[in-house]
PDB file of N, CA and C in Angstrom:
ATOM      1  N   MET A   1      68.866 -39.722  -6.365  1.00  0.00           N
ATOM      2  CA  MET A   1      69.696 -40.781  -5.820  1.00  0.00           C
ATOM      3  C   MET A   1      71.178 -40.387  -5.844  1.00  0.00           C
ATOM      4  N   HIS A   2      71.595 -39.733  -6.913  1.00  0.00           N
ATOM      5  CA  HIS A   2      72.989 -39.320  -7.052  1.00  0.00           C
ATOM      6  C   HIS A   2      73.371 -38.326  -5.946  1.00  0.00           C
ATOM      7  N   ARG A   3      72.452 -37.426  -5.610  1.00  0.00           N
ATOM      8  CA  ARG A   3      72.701 -36.430  -4.559  1.00  0.00           C
ATOM      9  C   ARG A   3      72.847 -37.109  -3.200  1.00  0.00           C
ATOM     10  N   LEU A   4      72.012 -38.098  -2.930  1.00  0.00           N
ATOM     11  CA  LEU A   4      72.079 -38.831  -1.657  1.00  0.00           C
ATOM     12  C   LEU A   4      73.401 -39.579  -1.524  1.00  0.00           C
ATOM     13  N   ALA A   5      73.844 -40.199  -2.594  1.00  0.00           N
ATOM     14  CA  ALA A   5      75.112 -40.928  -2.564  1.00  0.00           C
ATOM     15  C   ALA A   5      76.270 -39.968  -2.295  1.00  0.00           C
ATOM     16  N   GLY A   6      76.227 -38.779  -2.877  1.00  0.00           N
ATOM     17  CA  GLY A   6      77.273 -37.778  -2.647  1.00  0.00           C
ATOM     18  C   GLY A   6      77.309 -37.323  -1.205  1.00  0.00           C
ATOM     19  N   ARG A   7      76.134 -37.094  -0.632  1.00  0.00           N
ATOM     20  CA  ARG A   7      76.074 -36.680   0.780  1.00  0.00           C
ATOM     21  C   ARG A   7      76.565 -37.778   1.702  1.00  0.00           C
ATOM     22  N   LEU A   8      76.200 -39.008   1.393  1.00  0.00           N
ATOM     23  CA  LEU A   8      76.642 -40.143   2.207  1.00  0.00           C
ATOM     24  C   LEU A   8      78.165 -40.263   2.159  1.00  0.00           C
ATOM     25  N   LEU A   9      78.742 -40.103   0.984  1.00  0.00           N
ATOM     26  CA  LEU A   9      80.200 -40.176   0.851  1.00  0.00           C
ATOM     27  C   LEU A   9      80.881 -39.079   1.662  1.00  0.00           C
ATOM     28  N   LEU A  10      80.359 -37.858   1.585  1.00  0.00           N
ATOM     29  CA  LEU A  10      80.933 -36.755   2.367  1.00  0.00           C
ATOM     30  C   LEU A  10      80.833 -37.012   3.864  1.00  0.00           C
ATOM     31  N   THR A  11      79.726 -37.567   4.311  1.00  0.00           N
ATOM     32  CA  THR A  11      79.543 -37.880   5.736  1.00  0.00           C
ATOM     33  C   THR A  11      80.547 -38.928   6.193  1.00  0.00           C
ATOM     34  N   VAL A  12      80.721 -39.975   5.408  1.00  0.00           N
ATOM     35  CA  VAL A  12      81.674 -41.033   5.755  1.00  0.00           C
ATOM     36  C   VAL A  12      83.096 -40.483   5.796  1.00  0.00           C
ATOM     37  N   LEU A  13      83.468 -39.651   4.832  1.00  0.00           N
ATOM     38  CA  LEU A  13      84.807 -39.063   4.824  1.00  0.00           C
ATOM     39  C   LEU A  13      85.025 -38.148   6.017  1.00  0.00           C
ATOM     40  N   ALA A  14      84.023 -37.372   6.370  1.00  0.00           N
ATOM     41  CA  ALA A  14      84.149 -36.472   7.520  1.00  0.00           C
ATOM     42  C   ALA A  14      84.302 -37.250   8.814  1.00  0.00           C
ATOM     43  N   LEU A  15      83.532 -38.315   8.981  1.00  0.00           N
ATOM     44  CA  LEU A  15      83.637 -39.126  10.197  1.00  0.00           C
ATOM     45  C   LEU A  15      84.985 -39.825  10.268  1.00  0.00           C
ATOM     46  N   GLY A  16      85.461 -40.326   9.151  1.00  0.00           N
ATOM     47  CA  GLY A  16      86.769 -40.993   9.121  1.00  0.00           C
ATOM     48  C   GLY A  16      87.901 -40.046   9.440  1.00  0.00           C
ATOM     49  N   ALA A  17      87.822 -38.837   8.932  1.00  0.00           N
ATOM     50  CA  ALA A  17      88.861 -37.847   9.217  1.00  0.00           C
ATOM     51  C   ALA A  17      88.859 -37.472  10.685  1.00  0.00           C
ATOM     52  N   GLY A  18      87.704 -37.399  11.307  1.00  0.00           N
ATOM     53  CA  GLY A  18      87.614 -37.062  12.727  1.00  0.00           C
ATOM     54  C   GLY A  18      88.199 -38.140  13.613  1.00  0.00           C
ATOM     55  N   CYS A  19      88.030 -39.392  13.237  1.00  0.00           N
ATOM     56  CA  CYS A  19      88.546 -40.496  14.051  1.00  0.00           C
ATOM     57  C   CYS A  19      90.065 -40.609  13.951  1.00  0.00           C
ATOM     58  N   GLY A  20      90.620 -40.268  12.822  1.00  0.00           N
ATOM     59  CA  GLY A  20      92.045 -40.426  12.632  1.00  0.00           C
ATOM     60  C   GLY A  20      92.869 -39.227  13.070  1.00  0.00           C
ATOM     61  N   ARG A  21      92.214 -38.164  13.473  1.00  0.00           N
ATOM     62  CA  ARG A  21      92.952 -36.958  13.845  1.00  0.00           C
ATOM     63  C   ARG A  21      93.718 -37.152  15.137  1.00  0.00           C
ATOM     64  N   ASP A  22      94.849 -36.475  15.217  1.00  0.00           N
ATOM     65  CA  ASP A  22      95.636 -36.483  16.447  1.00  0.00           C
ATOM     66  C   ASP A  22      94.893 -35.677  17.495  1.00  0.00           C
ATOM     67  N   ASP A  23      94.908 -36.159  18.712  1.00  0.00           N
ATOM     68  CA  ASP A  23      94.226 -35.451  19.790  1.00  0.00           C
ATOM     69  C   ASP A  23      95.253 -34.950  20.789  1.00  0.00           C
ATOM     70  N   LEU A  24      95.665 -33.713  20.613  1.00  0.00           N
ATOM     71  CA  LEU A  24      96.622 -33.104  21.535  1.00  0.00           C
ATOM     72  C   LEU A  24      95.927 -32.396  22.684  1.00  0.00           C
ATOM     73  N   SER A  25      94.591 -32.452  22.735  1.00  0.00           N
ATOM     74  CA  SER A  25      93.865 -31.726  23.777  1.00  0.00           C
ATOM     75  C   SER A  25      94.143 -32.270  25.177  1.00  0.00           C
ATOM     76  N   ASN A  26      94.622 -33.497  25.290  1.00  0.00           N
ATOM     77  CA  ASN A  26      94.941 -34.075  26.601  1.00  0.00           C
ATOM     78  C   ASN A  26      96.338 -33.683  27.087  1.00  0.00           C
ATOM     79  N   TYR A  27      97.120 -33.059  26.218  1.00  0.00           N
ATOM     80  CA  TYR A  27      98.507 -32.723  26.527  1.00  0.00           C
ATOM     81  C   TYR A  27      98.682 -31.221  26.679  1.00  0.00           C
ATOM     82  N   SER A  28      99.581 -30.827  27.577  1.00  0.00           N
ATOM     83  CA  SER A  28      99.868 -29.403  27.756  1.00  0.00           C
ATOM     84  C   SER A  28     101.283 -29.243  28.316  1.00  0.00           C
ATOM     85  N   LEU A  29     101.782 -28.020  28.198  1.00  0.00           N
ATOM     86  CA  LEU A  29     103.076 -27.678  28.781  1.00  0.00           C
ATOM     87  C   LEU A  29     102.824 -26.768  29.965  1.00  0.00           C
ATOM     88  N   GLY A  30     103.452 -27.063  31.085  1.00  0.00           N
ATOM     89  CA  GLY A  30     103.233 -26.294  32.304  1.00  0.00           C
ATOM     90  C   GLY A  30     104.248 -25.190  32.497  1.00  0.00           C
ATOM     91  N   ALA A  31     104.193 -24.582  33.646  1.00  0.00           N
ATOM     92  CA  ALA A  31     105.084 -23.471  33.981  1.00  0.00           C
ATOM     93  C   ALA A  31     106.500 -23.916  34.352  1.00  0.00           C
ATOM     94  N   PRO A  32     106.686 -25.077  35.036  1.00  0.00           N
ATOM     95  CA  PRO A  32     108.055 -25.460  35.407  1.00  0.00           C
ATOM     96  C   PRO A  32     108.937 -25.625  34.166  1.00  0.00           C
ATOM     97  N   THR A  33     110.138 -25.061  34.228  1.00  0.00           N
ATOM     98  CA  THR A  33     111.059 -25.145  33.103  1.00  0.00           C
ATOM     99  C   THR A  33     112.244 -26.048  33.433  1.00  0.00           C
ATOM    100  N   TYR A  34     112.893 -26.528  32.386  1.00  0.00           N
ATOM    101  CA  TYR A  34     114.086 -27.344  32.553  1.00  0.00           C
ATOM    102  C   TYR A  34     115.226 -26.431  32.991  1.00  0.00           C
ATOM    103  N   PRO A  35     116.036 -26.835  33.963  1.00  0.00           N
ATOM    104  CA  PRO A  35     117.123 -25.977  34.441  1.00  0.00           C
ATOM    105  C   PRO A  35     118.041 -25.519  33.302  1.00  0.00           C
ATOM    106  N   GLY A  36     118.199 -24.217  33.186  1.00  0.00           N
ATOM    107  CA  GLY A  36     119.069 -23.656  32.172  1.00  0.00           C
ATOM    108  C   GLY A  36     118.458 -23.561  30.781  1.00  0.00           C
ATOM    109  N   ASN A  37     117.184 -23.913  30.633  1.00  0.00           N
ATOM    110  CA  ASN A  37     116.538 -23.853  29.316  1.00  0.00           C
ATOM    111  C   ASN A  37     115.083 -23.410  29.497  1.00  0.00           C
ATOM    112  N   ALA A  38     114.862 -22.111  29.475  1.00  0.00           N
ATOM    113  CA  ALA A  38     113.535 -21.563  29.741  1.00  0.00           C
ATOM    114  C   ALA A  38     112.514 -21.903  28.660  1.00  0.00           C
ATOM    115  N   ASP A  39     112.979 -22.297  27.461  1.00  0.00           N
ATOM    116  CA  ASP A  39     112.062 -22.673  26.372  1.00  0.00           C
ATOM    117  C   ASP A  39     111.492 -24.074  26.550  1.00  0.00           C
ATOM    118  N   CYS A  40     112.047 -24.843  27.459  1.00  0.00           N
ATOM    119  CA  CYS A  40     111.668 -26.238  27.649  1.00  0.00           C
ATOM    120  C   CYS A  40     110.846 -26.365  28.923  1.00  0.00           C
ATOM    121  N   LYS A  41     109.602 -26.829  28.786  1.00  0.00           N
ATOM    122  CA  LYS A  41     108.680 -26.850  29.926  1.00  0.00           C
ATOM    123  C   LYS A  41     108.206 -28.258  30.257  1.00  0.00           C
ATOM    124  N   GLN A  42     107.775 -28.435  31.493  1.00  0.00           N
ATOM    125  CA  GLN A  42     107.242 -29.714  31.975  1.00  0.00           C
ATOM    126  C   GLN A  42     106.039 -30.119  31.126  1.00  0.00           C
ATOM    127  N   ALA A  43     106.012 -31.365  30.669  1.00  0.00           N
ATOM    128  CA  ALA A  43     104.898 -31.883  29.882  1.00  0.00           C
ATOM    129  C   ALA A  43     103.845 -32.481  30.821  1.00  0.00           C
ATOM    130  N   TYR A  44     102.583 -32.263  30.466  1.00  0.00           N
ATOM    131  CA  TYR A  44     101.456 -32.773  31.250  1.00  0.00           C
ATOM    132  C   TYR A  44     100.524 -33.589  30.369  1.00  0.00           C
ATOM    133  N   TYR A  45      99.947 -34.632  30.953  1.00  0.00           N
ATOM    134  CA  TYR A  45      98.921 -35.432  30.299  1.00  0.00           C
ATOM    135  C   TYR A  45      97.697 -35.425  31.199  1.00  0.00           C
ATOM    136  N   LYS A  46      96.604 -34.931  30.688  1.00  0.00           N
ATOM    137  CA  LYS A  46      95.361 -34.803  31.459  1.00  0.00           C
ATOM    138  C   LYS A  46      95.615 -34.101  32.790  1.00  0.00           C
ATOM    139  N   SER A  47      96.319 -32.987  32.729  1.00  0.00           N
ATOM    140  CA  SER A  47      96.621 -32.105  33.871  1.00  0.00           C
ATOM    141  C   SER A  47      97.552 -32.713  34.907  1.00  0.00           C
ATOM    142  N   ARG A  48      98.178 -33.836  34.599  1.00  0.00           N
ATOM    143  CA  ARG A  48      99.147 -34.447  35.519  1.00  0.00           C
ATOM    144  C   ARG A  48     100.522 -34.451  34.866  1.00  0.00           C
ATOM    145  N   PRO A  49     101.557 -34.107  35.633  1.00  0.00           N
ATOM    146  CA  PRO A  49     102.893 -34.065  35.031  1.00  0.00           C
ATOM    147  C   PRO A  49     103.360 -35.443  34.577  1.00  0.00           C
ATOM    148  N   ILE A  50     104.039 -35.467  33.445  1.00  0.00           N
ATOM    149  CA  ILE A  50     104.686 -36.688  32.964  1.00  0.00           C
ATOM    150  C   ILE A  50     106.094 -36.648  33.546  1.00  0.00           C
ATOM    151  N   ALA A  51     106.362 -37.519  34.476  1.00  0.00           N
ATOM    152  CA  ALA A  51     107.610 -37.485  35.248  1.00  0.00           C
ATOM    153  C   ALA A  51     108.842 -37.443  34.355  1.00  0.00           C
ATOM    154  N   GLY A  52     109.659 -36.398  34.566  1.00  0.00           N
ATOM    155  CA  GLY A  52     110.940 -36.279  33.884  1.00  0.00           C
ATOM    156  C   GLY A  52     110.874 -35.863  32.428  1.00  0.00           C
ATOM    157  N   ILE A  53     109.697 -35.491  31.927  1.00  0.00           N
ATOM    158  CA  ILE A  53     109.562 -35.128  30.515  1.00  0.00           C
ATOM    159  C   ILE A  53     109.377 -33.622  30.379  1.00  0.00           C
ATOM    160  N   PHE A  54     110.339 -32.985  29.729  1.00  0.00           N
ATOM    161  CA  PHE A  54     110.298 -31.560  29.432  1.00  0.00           C
ATOM    162  C   PHE A  54     110.386 -31.406  27.919  1.00  0.00           C
ATOM    163  N   LEU A  55     109.513 -30.588  27.355  1.00  0.00           N
ATOM    164  CA  LEU A  55     109.459 -30.408  25.907  1.00  0.00           C
ATOM    165  C   LEU A  55     109.371 -28.936  25.533  1.00  0.00           C
ATOM    166  N   LYS A  56     109.794 -28.647  24.310  1.00  0.00           N
ATOM    167  CA  LYS A  56     109.615 -27.297  23.770  1.00  0.00           C
ATOM    168  C   LYS A  56     108.226 -27.148  23.171  1.00  0.00           C
ATOM    169  N   ARG A  57     107.748 -28.217  22.522  1.00  0.00           N
ATOM    170  CA  ARG A  57     106.392 -28.202  21.978  1.00  0.00           C
ATOM    171  C   ARG A  57     105.963 -29.616  21.622  1.00  0.00           C
ATOM    172  N   PHE A  58     104.654 -29.787  21.468  1.00  0.00           N
ATOM    173  CA  PHE A  58     104.091 -31.059  21.033  1.00  0.00           C
ATOM    174  C   PHE A  58     103.945 -31.032  19.516  1.00  0.00           C
ATOM    175  N   VAL A  59     104.136 -32.187  18.892  1.00  0.00           N
ATOM    176  CA  VAL A  59     103.982 -32.294  17.450  1.00  0.00           C
ATOM    177  C   VAL A  59     102.673 -32.999  17.120  1.00  0.00           C
ATOM    178  N   LYS A  60     102.498 -34.221  17.643  1.00  0.00           N
ATOM    179  CA  LYS A  60     101.249 -34.951  17.428  1.00  0.00           C
ATOM    180  C   LYS A  60     101.112 -36.048  18.462  1.00  0.00           C
ATOM    181  N   ALA A  61      99.889 -36.546  18.571  1.00  0.00           N
ATOM    182  CA  ALA A  61      99.597 -37.588  19.557  1.00  0.00           C
ATOM    183  C   ALA A  61      98.919 -38.768  18.880  1.00  0.00           C
ATOM    184  N   ASP A  62      99.101 -39.928  19.479  1.00  0.00           N
ATOM    185  CA  ASP A  62      98.448 -41.147  19.021  1.00  0.00           C
ATOM    186  C   ASP A  62      98.097 -41.949  20.260  1.00  0.00           C
ATOM    187  N   GLY A  63      96.906 -41.716  20.794  1.00  0.00           N
ATOM    188  CA  GLY A  63      96.490 -42.399  22.007  1.00  0.00           C
ATOM    189  C   GLY A  63      97.346 -42.010  23.185  1.00  0.00           C
ATOM    190  N   ALA A  64      98.011 -42.996  23.782  1.00  0.00           N
ATOM    191  CA  ALA A  64      98.840 -42.746  24.958  1.00  0.00           C
ATOM    192  C   ALA A  64     100.296 -42.499  24.588  1.00  0.00           C
ATOM    193  N   ARG A  65     100.548 -42.168  23.318  1.00  0.00           N
ATOM    194  CA  ARG A  65     101.897 -41.804  22.889  1.00  0.00           C
ATOM    195  C   ARG A  65     101.845 -40.408  22.284  1.00  0.00           C
ATOM    196  N   VAL A  66     102.885 -39.640  22.558  1.00  0.00           N
ATOM    197  CA  VAL A  66     102.940 -38.278  22.030  1.00  0.00           C
ATOM    198  C   VAL A  66     104.338 -38.009  21.491  1.00  0.00           C
ATOM    199  N   GLU A  67     104.378 -37.268  20.393  1.00  0.00           N
ATOM    200  CA  GLU A  67     105.652 -36.840  19.817  1.00  0.00           C
ATOM    201  C   GLU A  67     105.846 -35.372  20.128  1.00  0.00           C
ATOM    202  N   GLY A  68     107.049 -35.017  20.536  1.00  0.00           N
ATOM    203  CA  GLY A  68     107.338 -33.633  20.848  1.00  0.00           C
ATOM    204  C   GLY A  68     108.775 -33.284  20.535  1.00  0.00           C
ATOM    205  N   ILE A  69     109.065 -31.994  20.628  1.00  0.00           N
ATOM    206  CA  ILE A  69     110.425 -31.505  20.439  1.00  0.00           C
ATOM    207  C   ILE A  69     111.057 -31.374  21.820  1.00  0.00           C
ATOM    208  N   ALA A  70     112.123 -32.130  22.035  1.00  0.00           N
ATOM    209  CA  ALA A  70     112.789 -32.160  23.340  1.00  0.00           C
ATOM    210  C   ALA A  70     113.690 -30.942  23.523  1.00  0.00           C
ATOM    211  N   CYS A  71     114.232 -30.808  24.694  1.00  0.00           N
ATOM    212  CA  CYS A  71     115.099 -29.682  25.034  1.00  0.00           C
ATOM    213  C   CYS A  71     116.320 -29.606  24.131  1.00  0.00           C
ATOM    214  N   HIS A  72     116.803 -30.758  23.660  1.00  0.00           N
ATOM    215  CA  HIS A  72     117.984 -30.788  22.796  1.00  0.00           C
ATOM    216  C   HIS A  72     117.598 -30.741  21.310  1.00  0.00           C
ATOM    217  N   ASP A  73     116.376 -30.271  21.022  1.00  0.00           N
ATOM    218  CA  ASP A  73     115.856 -30.044  19.670  1.00  0.00           C
ATOM    219  C   ASP A  73     115.654 -31.306  18.832  1.00  0.00           C
ATOM    220  N   ALA A  74     115.627 -32.461  19.447  1.00  0.00           N
ATOM    221  CA  ALA A  74     115.355 -33.703  18.716  1.00  0.00           C
ATOM    222  C   ALA A  74     113.887 -34.082  18.920  1.00  0.00           C
ATOM    223  N   ASN A  75     113.322 -34.779  17.940  1.00  0.00           N
ATOM    224  CA  ASN A  75     111.969 -35.308  18.096  1.00  0.00           C
ATOM    225  C   ASN A  75     112.042 -36.536  18.988  1.00  0.00           C
ATOM    226  N   ILE A  76     111.150 -36.597  19.967  1.00  0.00           N
ATOM    227  CA  ILE A  76     111.071 -37.780  20.819  1.00  0.00           C
ATOM    228  C   ILE A  76     109.620 -38.248  20.878  1.00  0.00           C
ATOM    229  N   VAL A  77     109.453 -39.537  21.133  1.00  0.00           N
ATOM    230  CA  VAL A  77     108.141 -40.134  21.331  1.00  0.00           C
ATOM    231  C   VAL A  77     108.085 -40.619  22.767  1.00  0.00           C
ATOM    232  N   VAL A  78     107.049 -40.193  23.494  1.00  0.00           N
ATOM    233  CA  VAL A  78     106.885 -40.556  24.901  1.00  0.00           C
ATOM    234  C   VAL A  78     105.699 -41.491  25.032  1.00  0.00           C
ATOM    235  N   ASP A  79     105.896 -42.609  25.718  1.00  0.00           N
ATOM    236  CA  ASP A  79     104.807 -43.526  26.047  1.00  0.00           C
ATOM    237  C   ASP A  79     104.293 -43.126  27.423  1.00  0.00           C
ATOM    238  N   ILE A  80     103.103 -42.592  27.482  1.00  0.00           N
ATOM    239  CA  ILE A  80     102.550 -42.065  28.729  1.00  0.00           C
ATOM    240  C   ILE A  80     102.356 -43.161  29.770  1.00  0.00           C
ATOM    241  N   GLN A  81     102.002 -44.361  29.352  1.00  0.00           N
ATOM    242  CA  GLN A  81     101.732 -45.446  30.299  1.00  0.00           C
ATOM    243  C   GLN A  81     102.990 -45.931  30.999  1.00  0.00           C
ATOM    244  N   THR A  82     104.119 -45.978  30.292  1.00  0.00           N
ATOM    245  CA  THR A  82     105.355 -46.474  30.908  1.00  0.00           C
ATOM    246  C   THR A  82     106.288 -45.344  31.339  1.00  0.00           C
ATOM    247  N   GLY A  83     106.106 -44.146  30.763  1.00  0.00           N
ATOM    248  CA  GLY A  83     106.990 -43.036  31.069  1.00  0.00           C
ATOM    249  C   GLY A  83     108.292 -43.081  30.301  1.00  0.00           C
ATOM    250  N   ARG A  84     108.445 -44.064  29.415  1.00  0.00           N
ATOM    251  CA  ARG A  84     109.673 -44.177  28.639  1.00  0.00           C
ATOM    252  C   ARG A  84     109.588 -43.312  27.387  1.00  0.00           C
ATOM    253  N   TRP A  85     110.752 -42.918  26.897  1.00  0.00           N
ATOM    254  CA  TRP A  85     110.800 -42.142  25.673  1.00  0.00           C
ATOM    255  C   TRP A  85     111.945 -42.623  24.813  1.00  0.00           C
ATOM    256  N   ARG A  86     111.850 -42.302  23.528  1.00  0.00           N
ATOM    257  CA  ARG A  86     112.913 -42.628  22.578  1.00  0.00           C
ATOM    258  C   ARG A  86     112.949 -41.530  21.531  1.00  0.00           C
ATOM    259  N   GLU A  87     114.093 -41.331  20.928  1.00  0.00           N
ATOM    260  CA  GLU A  87     114.166 -40.368  19.830  1.00  0.00           C
ATOM    261  C   GLU A  87     113.484 -40.977  18.616  1.00  0.00           C
ATOM    262  N   GLY A  88     112.782 -40.138  17.879  1.00  0.00           N
ATOM    263  CA  GLY A  88     112.090 -40.592  16.682  1.00  0.00           C
ATOM    264  C   GLY A  88     110.774 -39.870  16.492  1.00  0.00           C
ATOM    265  N   LYS A  89     109.976 -40.379  15.577  1.00  0.00           N
ATOM    266  CA  LYS A  89     108.680 -39.782  15.242  1.00  0.00           C
ATOM    267  C   LYS A  89     107.589 -40.831  15.295  1.00  0.00           C
ATOM    268  N   LEU A  90     106.372 -40.363  15.491  1.00  0.00           N
ATOM    269  CA  LEU A  90     105.211 -41.267  15.452  1.00  0.00           C
ATOM    270  C   LEU A  90     104.906 -41.648  14.012  1.00  0.00           C
TER     271      LEU A  90
END
């Protein structure tokens, strides 16, 4: 019985960790670069460009919001549904 309880606990922890993980697989950086800054590339969500959003890299995602490093080296959070962004972290 003790062994079964241990396995059940490990299964629950593994499933919980999988659900809470950031999913950056829907996000990518494309070839177009920001004028005058070759390190900053067009951001894409599900293979479609996010209008006006250029990033150096992605940090983490939470559903339809993503945190990334902007061209001016600040962390920004982008809301994919509205296209708005603000400086800060998720």
